[in-house]
Amino acid sequence: KKTILKGIGLGSYFAIAIHLLNGLLSMLLDEEDFLPYIVSLDR
């Protein structure tokens, strides 16, 4: 059970972190707006 919870936690952390970092990189490198990137359903 601890292993299942750890897998869920690591996956959630990765999803949130990579989503925010991709938004930040998109804003810095591609000069896109941060908020539309973050709320985009595809992303």
PDB file of all heavy atoms in Angstrom:
ATOM      1  N   LYS A   1       0.836  -1.205   0.000  1.00  0.00           N
ATOM      2  CA  LYS A   1       0.000   0.000   0.000  1.00  0.00           C
ATOM      3  C   LYS A   1       0.868   1.251   0.000  1.00  0.00           C
ATOM      4  O   LYS A   1       0.583   2.208  -0.731  1.00  0.00           O
ATOM      5  CB  LYS A   1      -0.923  -0.007   1.215  1.00  0.00           C
ATOM      6  CG  LYS A   1      -1.889   1.133   1.229  1.00  0.00           C
ATOM      7  CD  LYS A   1      -2.837   1.047   2.406  1.00  0.00           C
ATOM      8  CE  LYS A   1      -3.793   2.232   2.380  1.00  0.00           C
ATOM      9  NZ  LYS A   1      -4.719   2.196   3.508  1.00  0.00           N
ATOM     10  N   LYS A   2       1.956   1.246   0.786  1.00  0.00           N
ATOM     11  CA  LYS A   2       2.869   2.386   0.786  1.00  0.00           C
ATOM     12  C   LYS A   2       3.514   2.581  -0.580  1.00  0.00           C
ATOM     13  O   LYS A   2       3.732   3.710  -1.021  1.00  0.00           O
ATOM     14  CB  LYS A   2       3.944   2.185   1.857  1.00  0.00           C
ATOM     15  CG  LYS A   2       3.473   2.485   3.263  1.00  0.00           C
ATOM     16  CD  LYS A   2       4.493   2.160   4.325  1.00  0.00           C
ATOM     17  CE  LYS A   2       5.811   2.819   4.133  1.00  0.00           C
ATOM     18  NZ  LYS A   2       6.759   2.536   5.249  1.00  0.00           N
ATOM     19  N   THR A   3       3.795   1.474  -1.256  1.00  0.00           N
ATOM     20  CA  THR A   3       4.397   1.548  -2.580  1.00  0.00           C
ATOM     21  C   THR A   3       3.425   2.154  -3.589  1.00  0.00           C
ATOM     22  O   THR A   3       3.822   2.976  -4.418  1.00  0.00           O
ATOM     23  CB  THR A   3       4.836   0.146  -3.031  1.00  0.00           C
ATOM     24  OG1 THR A   3       5.744  -0.381  -2.067  1.00  0.00           O
ATOM     25  CG2 THR A   3       5.513   0.183  -4.379  1.00  0.00           C
ATOM     26  N   ILE A   4       2.154   1.773  -3.505  1.00  0.00           N
ATOM     27  CA  ILE A   4       1.143   2.351  -4.394  1.00  0.00           C
ATOM     28  C   ILE A   4       1.029   3.851  -4.152  1.00  0.00           C
ATOM     29  O   ILE A   4       1.016   4.651  -5.105  1.00  0.00           O
ATOM     30  CB  ILE A   4      -0.224   1.655  -4.190  1.00  0.00           C
ATOM     31  CG1 ILE A   4      -0.172   0.228  -4.718  1.00  0.00           C
ATOM     32  CG2 ILE A   4      -1.340   2.428  -4.877  1.00  0.00           C
ATOM     33  CD1 ILE A   4      -1.383  -0.605  -4.361  1.00  0.00           C
ATOM     34  N   LEU A   5       0.964   4.246  -2.884  1.00  0.00           N
ATOM     35  CA  LEU A   5       0.852   5.674  -2.563  1.00  0.00           C
ATOM     36  C   LEU A   5       2.098   6.442  -2.999  1.00  0.00           C
ATOM     37  O   LEU A   5       2.004   7.578  -3.469  1.00  0.00           O
ATOM     38  CB  LEU A   5       0.605   5.852  -1.071  1.00  0.00           C
ATOM     39  CG  LEU A   5      -0.745   5.352  -0.559  1.00  0.00           C
ATOM     40  CD1 LEU A   5      -0.838   5.483   0.948  1.00  0.00           C
ATOM     41  CD2 LEU A   5      -1.885   6.089  -1.238  1.00  0.00           C
ATOM     42  N   LYS A   6       3.256   5.825  -2.872  1.00  0.00           N
ATOM     43  CA  LYS A   6       4.493   6.481  -3.305  1.00  0.00           C
ATOM     44  C   LYS A   6       4.502   6.659  -4.821  1.00  0.00           C
ATOM     45  O   LYS A   6       4.917   7.701  -5.336  1.00  0.00           O
ATOM     46  CB  LYS A   6       5.702   5.674  -2.858  1.00  0.00           C
ATOM     47  CG  LYS A   6       7.006   6.424  -3.027  1.00  0.00           C
ATOM     48  CD  LYS A   6       8.176   5.635  -2.492  1.00  0.00           C
ATOM     49  CE  LYS A   6       8.208   5.798  -0.997  1.00  0.00           C
ATOM     50  NZ  LYS A   6       9.463   5.294  -0.407  1.00  0.00           N
ATOM     51  N   GLY A   7       4.033   5.655  -5.562  1.00  0.00           N
ATOM     52  CA  GLY A   7       3.950   5.775  -7.019  1.00  0.00           C
ATOM     53  C   GLY A   7       2.989   6.874  -7.441  1.00  0.00           C
ATOM     54  O   GLY A   7       3.282   7.657  -8.347  1.00  0.00           O
ATOM     55  N   ILE A   8       1.835   6.956  -6.766  1.00  0.00           N
ATOM     56  CA  ILE A   8       0.865   8.016  -7.069  1.00  0.00           C
ATOM     57  C   ILE A   8       1.451   9.381  -6.747  1.00  0.00           C
ATOM     58  O   ILE A   8       1.313  10.341  -7.524  1.00  0.00           O
ATOM     59  CB  ILE A   8      -0.446   7.770  -6.301  1.00  0.00           C
ATOM     60  CG1 ILE A   8      -1.161   6.538  -6.854  1.00  0.00           C
ATOM     61  CG2 ILE A   8      -1.365   8.992  -6.373  1.00  0.00           C
ATOM     62  CD1 ILE A   8      -2.336   6.079  -6.021  1.00  0.00           C
ATOM     63  N   GLY A   9       2.128   9.489  -5.607  1.00  0.00           N
ATOM     64  CA  GLY A   9       2.733  10.760  -5.220  1.00  0.00           C
ATOM     65  C   GLY A   9       3.818  11.209  -6.178  1.00  0.00           C
ATOM     66  O   GLY A   9       3.874  12.378  -6.569  1.00  0.00           O
ATOM     67  N   LEU A  10       4.683  10.284  -6.577  1.00  0.00           N
ATOM     68  CA  LEU A  10       5.754  10.638  -7.511  1.00  0.00           C
ATOM     69  C   LEU A  10       5.200  11.026  -8.878  1.00  0.00           C
ATOM     70  O   LEU A  10       5.682  11.963  -9.515  1.00  0.00           O
ATOM     71  CB  LEU A  10       6.734   9.479  -7.640  1.00  0.00           C
ATOM     72  CG  LEU A  10       7.608   9.215  -6.424  1.00  0.00           C
ATOM     73  CD1 LEU A  10       8.361   7.901  -6.579  1.00  0.00           C
ATOM     74  CD2 LEU A  10       8.568  10.353  -6.192  1.00  0.00           C
ATOM     75  N   GLY A  11       4.160  10.298  -9.330  1.00  0.00           N
ATOM     76  CA  GLY A  11       3.538  10.640 -10.604  1.00  0.00           C
ATOM     77  C   GLY A  11       2.866  12.001 -10.564  1.00  0.00           C
ATOM     78  O   GLY A  11       2.970  12.792 -11.507  1.00  0.00           O
ATOM     79  N   SER A  12       2.176  12.295  -9.465  1.00  0.00           N
ATOM     80  CA  SER A  12       1.507  13.599  -9.320  1.00  0.00           C
ATOM     81  C   SER A  12       2.520  14.730  -9.282  1.00  0.00           C
ATOM     82  O   SER A  12       2.344  15.767  -9.936  1.00  0.00           O
ATOM     83  CB  SER A  12       0.669  13.627  -8.046  1.00  0.00           C
ATOM     84  OG  SER A  12      -0.284  12.617  -8.058  1.00  0.00           O
ATOM     85  N   TYR A  13       3.572  14.534  -8.495  1.00  0.00           N
ATOM     86  CA  TYR A  13       4.617  15.553  -8.404  1.00  0.00           C
ATOM     87  C   TYR A  13       5.239  15.809  -9.775  1.00  0.00           C
ATOM     88  O   TYR A  13       5.447  16.963 -10.166  1.00  0.00           O
ATOM     89  CB  TYR A  13       5.682  15.108  -7.403  1.00  0.00           C
ATOM     90  CG  TYR A  13       6.860  16.033  -7.325  1.00  0.00           C
ATOM     91  CD1 TYR A  13       6.767  17.246  -6.668  1.00  0.00           C
ATOM     92  CD2 TYR A  13       8.060  15.707  -7.948  1.00  0.00           C
ATOM     93  CE1 TYR A  13       7.842  18.106  -6.609  1.00  0.00           C
ATOM     94  CE2 TYR A  13       9.140  16.554  -7.896  1.00  0.00           C
ATOM     95  CZ  TYR A  13       9.029  17.753  -7.220  1.00  0.00           C
ATOM     96  OH  TYR A  13      10.097  18.606  -7.182  1.00  0.00           O
ATOM     97  N   PHE A  14       5.521  14.744 -10.502  1.00  0.00           N
ATOM     98  CA  PHE A  14       6.122  14.887 -11.828  1.00  0.00           C
ATOM     99  C   PHE A  14       5.185  15.631 -12.772  1.00  0.00           C
ATOM    100  O   PHE A  14       5.614  16.523 -13.502  1.00  0.00           O
ATOM    101  CB  PHE A  14       6.470  13.516 -12.404  1.00  0.00           C
ATOM    102  CG  PHE A  14       7.015  13.577 -13.798  1.00  0.00           C
ATOM    103  CD1 PHE A  14       8.323  13.926 -14.016  1.00  0.00           C
ATOM    104  CD2 PHE A  14       6.203  13.299 -14.889  1.00  0.00           C
ATOM    105  CE1 PHE A  14       8.837  13.991 -15.304  1.00  0.00           C
ATOM    106  CE2 PHE A  14       6.707  13.358 -16.173  1.00  0.00           C
ATOM    107  CZ  PHE A  14       8.027  13.710 -16.384  1.00  0.00           C
ATOM    108  N   ALA A  15       3.897  15.260 -12.767  1.00  0.00           N
ATOM    109  CA  ALA A  15       2.934  15.888 -13.679  1.00  0.00           C
ATOM    110  C   ALA A  15       2.829  17.384 -13.408  1.00  0.00           C
ATOM    111  O   ALA A  15       2.850  18.199 -14.339  1.00  0.00           O
ATOM    112  CB  ALA A  15       1.577  15.213 -13.555  1.00  0.00           C
ATOM    113  N   ILE A  16       2.729  17.758 -12.145  1.00  0.00           N
ATOM    114  CA  ILE A  16       2.598  19.174 -11.795  1.00  0.00           C
ATOM    115  C   ILE A  16       3.879  19.930 -12.115  1.00  0.00           C
ATOM    116  O   ILE A  16       3.844  21.009 -12.735  1.00  0.00           O
ATOM    117  CB  ILE A  16       2.215  19.322 -10.309  1.00  0.00           C
ATOM    118  CG1 ILE A  16       0.802  18.794 -10.085  1.00  0.00           C
ATOM    119  CG2 ILE A  16       2.314  20.773  -9.859  1.00  0.00           C
ATOM    120  CD1 ILE A  16       0.411  18.624  -8.642  1.00  0.00           C
ATOM    121  N   ALA A  17       5.013  19.366 -11.717  1.00  0.00           N
ATOM    122  CA  ALA A  17       6.286  20.057 -11.936  1.00  0.00           C
ATOM    123  C   ALA A  17       6.586  20.217 -13.424  1.00  0.00           C
ATOM    124  O   ALA A  17       6.979  21.298 -13.870  1.00  0.00           O
ATOM    125  CB  ALA A  17       7.419  19.293 -11.249  1.00  0.00           C
ATOM    126  N   ILE A  18       6.379  19.163 -14.200  1.00  0.00           N
ATOM    127  CA  ILE A  18       6.701  19.252 -15.623  1.00  0.00           C
ATOM    128  C   ILE A  18       5.734  20.194 -16.343  1.00  0.00           C
ATOM    129  O   ILE A  18       6.126  20.915 -17.265  1.00  0.00           O
ATOM    130  CB  ILE A  18       6.757  17.846 -16.281  1.00  0.00           C
ATOM    131  CG1 ILE A  18       7.637  17.878 -17.533  1.00  0.00           C
ATOM    132  CG2 ILE A  18       5.395  17.338 -16.669  1.00  0.00           C
ATOM    133  CD1 ILE A  18       9.077  18.035 -17.255  1.00  0.00           C
ATOM    134  N   HIS A  19       4.490  20.234 -15.898  1.00  0.00           N
ATOM    135  CA  HIS A  19       3.515  21.136 -16.514  1.00  0.00           C
ATOM    136  C   HIS A  19       3.908  22.589 -16.258  1.00  0.00           C
ATOM    137  O   HIS A  19       3.909  23.410 -17.181  1.00  0.00           O
ATOM    138  CB  HIS A  19       2.120  20.848 -15.969  1.00  0.00           C
ATOM    139  CG  HIS A  19       1.033  21.601 -16.646  1.00  0.00           C
ATOM    140  ND1 HIS A  19       0.713  21.395 -17.970  1.00  0.00           N
ATOM    141  CD2 HIS A  19       0.209  22.577 -16.212  1.00  0.00           C
ATOM    142  CE1 HIS A  19      -0.266  22.204 -18.309  1.00  0.00           C
ATOM    143  NE2 HIS A  19      -0.585  22.933 -17.258  1.00  0.00           N
ATOM    144  N   LEU A  20       4.264  22.905 -15.018  1.00  0.00           N
ATOM    145  CA  LEU A  20       4.661  24.281 -14.697  1.00  0.00           C
ATOM    146  C   LEU A  20       5.991  24.645 -15.345  1.00  0.00           C
ATOM    147  O   LEU A  20       6.153  25.762 -15.851  1.00  0.00           O
ATOM    148  CB  LEU A  20       4.729  24.460 -13.183  1.00  0.00           C
ATOM    149  CG  LEU A  20       3.394  24.366 -12.452  1.00  0.00           C
ATOM    150  CD1 LEU A  20       3.602  24.439 -10.952  1.00  0.00           C
ATOM    151  CD2 LEU A  20       2.441  25.446 -12.925  1.00  0.00           C
ATOM    152  N   LEU A  21       6.944  23.726 -15.358  1.00  0.00           N
ATOM    153  CA  LEU A  21       8.232  24.024 -15.989  1.00  0.00           C
ATOM    154  C   LEU A  21       8.102  24.190 -17.498  1.00  0.00           C
ATOM    155  O   LEU A  21       8.763  25.054 -18.090  1.00  0.00           O
ATOM    156  CB  LEU A  21       9.238  22.926 -15.660  1.00  0.00           C
ATOM    157  CG  LEU A  21       9.765  22.941 -14.233  1.00  0.00           C
ATOM    158  CD1 LEU A  21      10.623  21.717 -13.983  1.00  0.00           C
ATOM    159  CD2 LEU A  21      10.541  24.212 -13.957  1.00  0.00           C
ATOM    160  N   ASN A  22       7.259  23.387 -18.130  1.00  0.00           N
ATOM    161  CA  ASN A  22       7.031  23.569 -19.564  1.00  0.00           C
ATOM    162  C   ASN A  22       6.383  24.915 -19.847  1.00  0.00           C
ATOM    163  O   ASN A  22       6.710  25.575 -20.835  1.00  0.00           O
ATOM    164  CB  ASN A  22       6.169  22.437 -20.118  1.00  0.00           C
ATOM    165  CG  ASN A  22       6.961  21.188 -20.385  1.00  0.00           C
ATOM    166  OD1 ASN A  22       8.174  21.225 -20.534  1.00  0.00           O
ATOM    167  ND2 ASN A  22       6.266  20.061 -20.436  1.00  0.00           N
ATOM    168  N   GLY A  23       5.454  25.322 -18.997  1.00  0.00           N
ATOM    169  CA  GLY A  23       4.847  26.646 -19.157  1.00  0.00           C
ATOM    170  C   GLY A  23       5.866  27.751 -18.995  1.00  0.00           C
ATOM    171  O   GLY A  23       5.878  28.726 -19.758  1.00  0.00           O
ATOM    172  N   LEU A  24       6.741  27.622 -18.019  1.00  0.00           N
ATOM    173  CA  LEU A  24       7.779  28.616 -17.795  1.00  0.00           C
ATOM    174  C   LEU A  24       8.764  28.659 -18.958  1.00  0.00           C
ATOM    175  O   LEU A  24       9.119  29.741 -19.444  1.00  0.00           O
ATOM    176  CB  LEU A  24       8.510  28.313 -16.488  1.00  0.00           C
ATOM    177  CG  LEU A  24       9.558  29.297 -16.049  1.00  0.00           C
ATOM    178  CD1 LEU A  24       8.918  30.645 -15.757  1.00  0.00           C
ATOM    179  CD2 LEU A  24      10.285  28.783 -14.823  1.00  0.00           C
ATOM    180  N   LEU A  25       9.190  27.487 -19.433  1.00  0.00           N
ATOM    181  CA  LEU A  25      10.104  27.454 -20.580  1.00  0.00           C
ATOM    182  C   LEU A  25       9.449  27.995 -21.844  1.00  0.00           C
ATOM    183  O   LEU A  25      10.100  28.668 -22.646  1.00  0.00           O
ATOM    184  CB  LEU A  25      10.600  26.032 -20.814  1.00  0.00           C
ATOM    185  CG  LEU A  25      11.650  25.537 -19.837  1.00  0.00           C
ATOM    186  CD1 LEU A  25      11.942  24.069 -20.083  1.00  0.00           C
ATOM    187  CD2 LEU A  25      12.910  26.360 -19.948  1.00  0.00           C
ATOM    188  N   SER A  26       8.169  27.707 -22.019  1.00  0.00           N
ATOM    189  CA  SER A  26       7.454  28.231 -23.173  1.00  0.00           C
ATOM    190  C   SER A  26       7.393  29.749 -23.115  1.00  0.00           C
ATOM    191  O   SER A  26       7.521  30.428 -24.133  1.00  0.00           O
ATOM    192  CB  SER A  26       6.052  27.636 -23.222  1.00  0.00           C
ATOM    193  OG  SER A  26       5.312  28.206 -24.256  1.00  0.00           O
ATOM    194  N   MET A  27       7.195  30.273 -21.917  1.00  0.00           N
ATOM    195  CA  MET A  27       7.138  31.725 -21.756  1.00  0.00           C
ATOM    196  C   MET A  27       8.514  32.350 -22.031  1.00  0.00           C
ATOM    197  O   MET A  27       8.607  33.378 -22.707  1.00  0.00           O
ATOM    198  CB  MET A  27       6.676  32.065 -20.339  1.00  0.00           C
ATOM    199  CG  MET A  27       6.553  33.545 -20.059  1.00  0.00           C
ATOM    200  SD  MET A  27       6.019  33.884 -18.376  1.00  0.00           S
ATOM    201  CE  MET A  27       7.478  33.477 -17.451  1.00  0.00           C
ATOM    202  N   LEU A  28       9.569  31.712 -21.550  1.00  0.00           N
ATOM    203  CA  LEU A  28      10.902  32.289 -21.696  1.00  0.00           C
ATOM    204  C   LEU A  28      11.480  32.103 -23.100  1.00  0.00           C
ATOM    205  O   LEU A  28      12.097  33.018 -23.639  1.00  0.00           O
ATOM    206  CB  LEU A  28      11.850  31.676 -20.673  1.00  0.00           C
ATOM    207  CG  LEU A  28      11.552  31.998 -19.208  1.00  0.00           C
ATOM    208  CD1 LEU A  28      12.481  31.218 -18.299  1.00  0.00           C
ATOM    209  CD2 LEU A  28      11.662  33.484 -18.951  1.00  0.00           C
ATOM    210  N   LEU A  29      11.288  30.934 -23.685  1.00  0.00           N
ATOM    211  CA  LEU A  29      11.930  30.639 -24.961  1.00  0.00           C
ATOM    212  C   LEU A  29      11.060  30.970 -26.171  1.00  0.00           C
ATOM    213  O   LEU A  29      11.549  31.492 -27.169  1.00  0.00           O
ATOM    214  CB  LEU A  29      12.345  29.170 -25.011  1.00  0.00           C
ATOM    215  CG  LEU A  29      13.355  28.737 -23.953  1.00  0.00           C
ATOM    216  CD1 LEU A  29      13.631  27.253 -24.066  1.00  0.00           C
ATOM    217  CD2 LEU A  29      14.634  29.538 -24.071  1.00  0.00           C
ATOM    218  N   ASP A  30       9.787  30.622 -26.107  1.00  0.00           N
ATOM    219  CA  ASP A  30       8.900  30.825 -27.253  1.00  0.00           C
ATOM    220  C   ASP A  30       8.088  32.103 -27.163  1.00  0.00           C
ATOM    221  O   ASP A  30       7.302  32.397 -28.055  1.00  0.00           O
ATOM    222  CB  ASP A  30       7.937  29.636 -27.393  1.00  0.00           C
ATOM    223  CG  ASP A  30       8.666  28.342 -27.629  1.00  0.00           C
ATOM    224  OD1 ASP A  30       9.800  28.400 -28.150  1.00  0.00           O
ATOM    225  OD2 ASP A  30       8.118  27.276 -27.291  1.00  0.00           O
ATOM    226  N   GLU A  31       8.237  32.825 -26.058  1.00  0.00           N
ATOM    227  CA  GLU A  31       7.530  34.080 -25.809  1.00  0.00           C
ATOM    228  C   GLU A  31       6.015  33.916 -25.877  1.00  0.00           C
ATOM    229  O   GLU A  31       5.301  34.773 -26.371  1.00  0.00           O
ATOM    230  CB  GLU A  31       8.025  35.168 -26.763  1.00  0.00           C
ATOM    231  CG  GLU A  31       9.496  35.494 -26.577  1.00  0.00           C
ATOM    232  CD  GLU A  31      10.000  36.541 -27.535  1.00  0.00           C
ATOM    233  OE1 GLU A  31       9.196  37.091 -28.307  1.00  0.00           O
ATOM    234  OE2 GLU A  31      11.201  36.804 -27.507  1.00  0.00           O
ATOM    235  N   GLU A  32       5.521  32.768 -25.387  1.00  0.00           N
ATOM    236  CA  GLU A  32       4.084  32.554 -25.258  1.00  0.00           C
ATOM    237  C   GLU A  32       3.649  33.050 -23.880  1.00  0.00           C
ATOM    238  O   GLU A  32       4.449  33.191 -22.969  1.00  0.00           O
ATOM    239  CB  GLU A  32       3.748  31.065 -25.367  1.00  0.00           C
ATOM    240  CG  GLU A  32       3.956  30.478 -26.735  1.00  0.00           C
ATOM    241  CD  GLU A  32       3.540  29.014 -26.794  1.00  0.00           C
ATOM    242  OE1 GLU A  32       2.696  28.600 -25.974  1.00  0.00           O
ATOM    243  OE2 GLU A  32       4.064  28.304 -27.644  1.00  0.00           O
ATOM    244  N   ASP A  33       2.363  33.290 -23.735  1.00  0.00           N
ATOM    245  CA  ASP A  33       1.848  33.673 -22.432  1.00  0.00           C
ATOM    246  C   ASP A  33       1.789  32.456 -21.520  1.00  0.00           C
ATOM    247  O   ASP A  33       1.473  31.349 -21.949  1.00  0.00           O
ATOM    248  CB  ASP A  33       0.455  34.296 -22.569  1.00  0.00           C
ATOM    249  CG  ASP A  33       0.514  35.654 -23.266  1.00  0.00           C
ATOM    250  OD1 ASP A  33       1.557  36.320 -23.151  1.00  0.00           O
ATOM    251  OD2 ASP A  33      -0.484  36.034 -23.911  1.00  0.00           O
ATOM    252  N   PHE A  34       2.056  32.687 -20.235  1.00  0.00           N
ATOM    253  CA  PHE A  34       2.122  31.595 -19.269  1.00  0.00           C
ATOM    254  C   PHE A  34       0.744  31.017 -18.971  1.00  0.00           C
ATOM    255  O   PHE A  34       0.558  29.802 -18.998  1.00  0.00           O
ATOM    256  CB  PHE A  34       2.780  32.104 -17.981  1.00  0.00           C
ATOM    257  CG  PHE A  34       2.939  31.067 -16.918  1.00  0.00           C
ATOM    258  CD1 PHE A  34       3.873  30.065 -17.054  1.00  0.00           C
ATOM    259  CD2 PHE A  34       2.153  31.090 -15.784  1.00  0.00           C
ATOM    260  CE1 PHE A  34       4.045  29.093 -16.082  1.00  0.00           C
ATOM    261  CE2 PHE A  34       2.305  30.134 -14.796  1.00  0.00           C
ATOM    262  CZ  PHE A  34       3.247  29.139 -14.947  1.00  0.00           C
ATOM    263  N   LEU A  35      -0.233  31.867 -18.697  1.00  0.00           N
ATOM    264  CA  LEU A  35      -1.555  31.398 -18.280  1.00  0.00           C
ATOM    265  C   LEU A  35      -2.272  30.589 -19.360  1.00  0.00           C
ATOM    266  O   LEU A  35      -2.805  29.516 -19.071  1.00  0.00           O
ATOM    267  CB  LEU A  35      -2.422  32.571 -17.810  1.00  0.00           C
ATOM    268  CG  LEU A  35      -3.708  32.211 -17.110  1.00  0.00           C
ATOM    269  CD1 LEU A  35      -3.428  31.359 -15.878  1.00  0.00           C
ATOM    270  CD2 LEU A  35      -4.470  33.455 -16.730  1.00  0.00           C
ATOM    271  N   PRO A  36      -2.311  31.032 -20.628  1.00  0.00           N
ATOM    272  CA  PRO A  36      -2.951  30.186 -21.645  1.00  0.00           C
ATOM    273  C   PRO A  36      -2.265  28.831 -21.815  1.00  0.00           C
ATOM    274  O   PRO A  36      -2.931  27.833 -22.091  1.00  0.00           O
ATOM    275  CB  PRO A  36      -2.836  31.006 -22.934  1.00  0.00           C
ATOM    276  CG  PRO A  36      -2.699  32.406 -22.492  1.00  0.00           C
ATOM    277  CD  PRO A  36      -1.974  32.346 -21.180  1.00  0.00           C
ATOM    278  N   TYR A  37      -0.969  28.784 -21.632  1.00  0.00           N
ATOM    279  CA  TYR A  37      -0.261  27.508 -21.726  1.00  0.00           C
ATOM    280  C   TYR A  37      -0.688  26.584 -20.587  1.00  0.00           C
ATOM    281  O   TYR A  37      -0.943  25.404 -20.800  1.00  0.00           O
ATOM    282  CB  TYR A  37       1.254  27.729 -21.675  1.00  0.00           C
ATOM    283  CG  TYR A  37       2.041  26.459 -21.892  1.00  0.00           C
ATOM    284  CD1 TYR A  37       2.486  26.117 -23.143  1.00  0.00           C
ATOM    285  CD2 TYR A  37       2.315  25.597 -20.832  1.00  0.00           C
ATOM    286  CE1 TYR A  37       3.197  24.946 -23.361  1.00  0.00           C
ATOM    287  CE2 TYR A  37       3.024  24.422 -21.027  1.00  0.00           C
ATOM    288  CZ  TYR A  37       3.457  24.114 -22.298  1.00  0.00           C
ATOM    289  OH  TYR A  37       4.144  22.949 -22.493  1.00  0.00           O
ATOM    290  N   ILE A  38      -0.762  27.126 -19.404  1.00  0.00           N
ATOM    291  CA  ILE A  38      -1.081  26.324 -18.218  1.00  0.00           C
ATOM    292  C   ILE A  38      -2.503  25.773 -18.277  1.00  0.00           C
ATOM    293  O   ILE A  38      -2.760  24.651 -17.852  1.00  0.00           O
ATOM    294  CB  ILE A  38      -0.874  27.169 -16.938  1.00  0.00           C
ATOM    295  CG1 ILE A  38       0.599  27.507 -16.757  1.00  0.00           C
ATOM    296  CG2 ILE A  38      -1.384  26.460 -15.702  1.00  0.00           C
ATOM    297  CD1 ILE A  38       1.493  26.311 -16.571  1.00  0.00           C
ATOM    298  N   VAL A  39      -3.451  26.531 -18.799  1.00  0.00           N
ATOM    299  CA  VAL A  39      -4.852  26.090 -18.792  1.00  0.00           C
ATOM    300  C   VAL A  39      -5.253  25.366 -20.081  1.00  0.00           C
ATOM    301  O   VAL A  39      -6.396  24.957 -20.217  1.00  0.00           O
ATOM    302  CB  VAL A  39      -5.821  27.268 -18.524  1.00  0.00           C
ATOM    303  CG1 VAL A  39      -5.565  27.856 -17.153  1.00  0.00           C
ATOM    304  CG2 VAL A  39      -5.709  28.338 -19.599  1.00  0.00           C
ATOM    305  N   SER A  40      -4.311  25.195 -20.998  1.00  0.00           N
ATOM    306  CA  SER A  40      -4.601  24.482 -22.236  1.00  0.00           C
ATOM    307  C   SER A  40      -4.894  23.008 -21.937  1.00  0.00           C
ATOM    308  O   SER A  40      -4.099  22.316 -21.301  1.00  0.00           O
ATOM    309  CB  SER A  40      -3.413  24.594 -23.187  1.00  0.00           C
ATOM    310  OG  SER A  40      -3.577  23.726 -24.281  1.00  0.00           O
ATOM    311  N   LEU A  41      -6.039  22.530 -22.395  1.00  0.00           N
ATOM    312  CA  LEU A  41      -6.473  21.159 -22.107  1.00  0.00           C
ATOM    313  C   LEU A  41      -5.518  20.128 -22.704  1.00  0.00           C
ATOM    314  O   LEU A  41      -5.232  19.109 -22.069  1.00  0.00           O
ATOM    315  CB  LEU A  41      -7.897  20.943 -22.624  1.00  0.00           C
ATOM    316  CG  LEU A  41      -8.547  19.614 -22.253  1.00  0.00           C
ATOM    317  CD1 LEU A  41      -8.648  19.486 -20.742  1.00  0.00           C
ATOM    318  CD2 LEU A  41      -9.909  19.490 -22.894  1.00  0.00           C
ATOM    319  N   ASP A  42      -5.007  20.392 -23.904  1.00  0.00           N
ATOM    320  CA  ASP A  42      -4.066  19.453 -24.530  1.00  0.00           C
ATOM    321  C   ASP A  42      -2.816  19.277 -23.681  1.00  0.00           C
ATOM    322  O   ASP A  42      -2.326  18.160 -23.488  1.00  0.00           O
ATOM    323  CB  ASP A  42      -3.654  19.952 -25.920  1.00  0.00           C
ATOM    324  CG  ASP A  42      -4.807  20.017 -26.886  1.00  0.00           C
ATOM    325  OD1 ASP A  42      -5.862  19.429 -26.576  1.00  0.00           O
ATOM    326  OD2 ASP A  42      -4.653  20.645 -27.941  1.00  0.00           O
ATOM    327  N   ARG A  43      -2.312  20.371 -23.179  1.00  0.00           N
ATOM    328  CA  ARG A  43      -1.072  20.300 -22.398  1.00  0.00           C
ATOM    329  C   ARG A  43      -1.316  19.714 -21.014  1.00  0.00           C
ATOM    330  O   ARG A  43      -0.439  19.050 -20.461  1.00  0.00           O
ATOM    331  CB  ARG A  43      -0.448  21.679 -22.337  1.00  0.00           C
ATOM    332  CG  ARG A  43       0.002  22.074 -23.746  1.00  0.00           C
ATOM    333  CD  ARG A  43       0.703  23.374 -23.793  1.00  0.00           C
ATOM    334  NE  ARG A  43       1.208  23.584 -25.138  1.00  0.00           N
ATOM    335  CZ  ARG A  43       1.051  24.703 -25.814  1.00  0.00           C
ATOM    336  NH1 ARG A  43       0.401  25.705 -25.278  1.00  0.00           N
ATOM    337  NH2 ARG A  43       1.552  24.823 -27.018  1.00  0.00           N
TER     338      ARG A  43
END
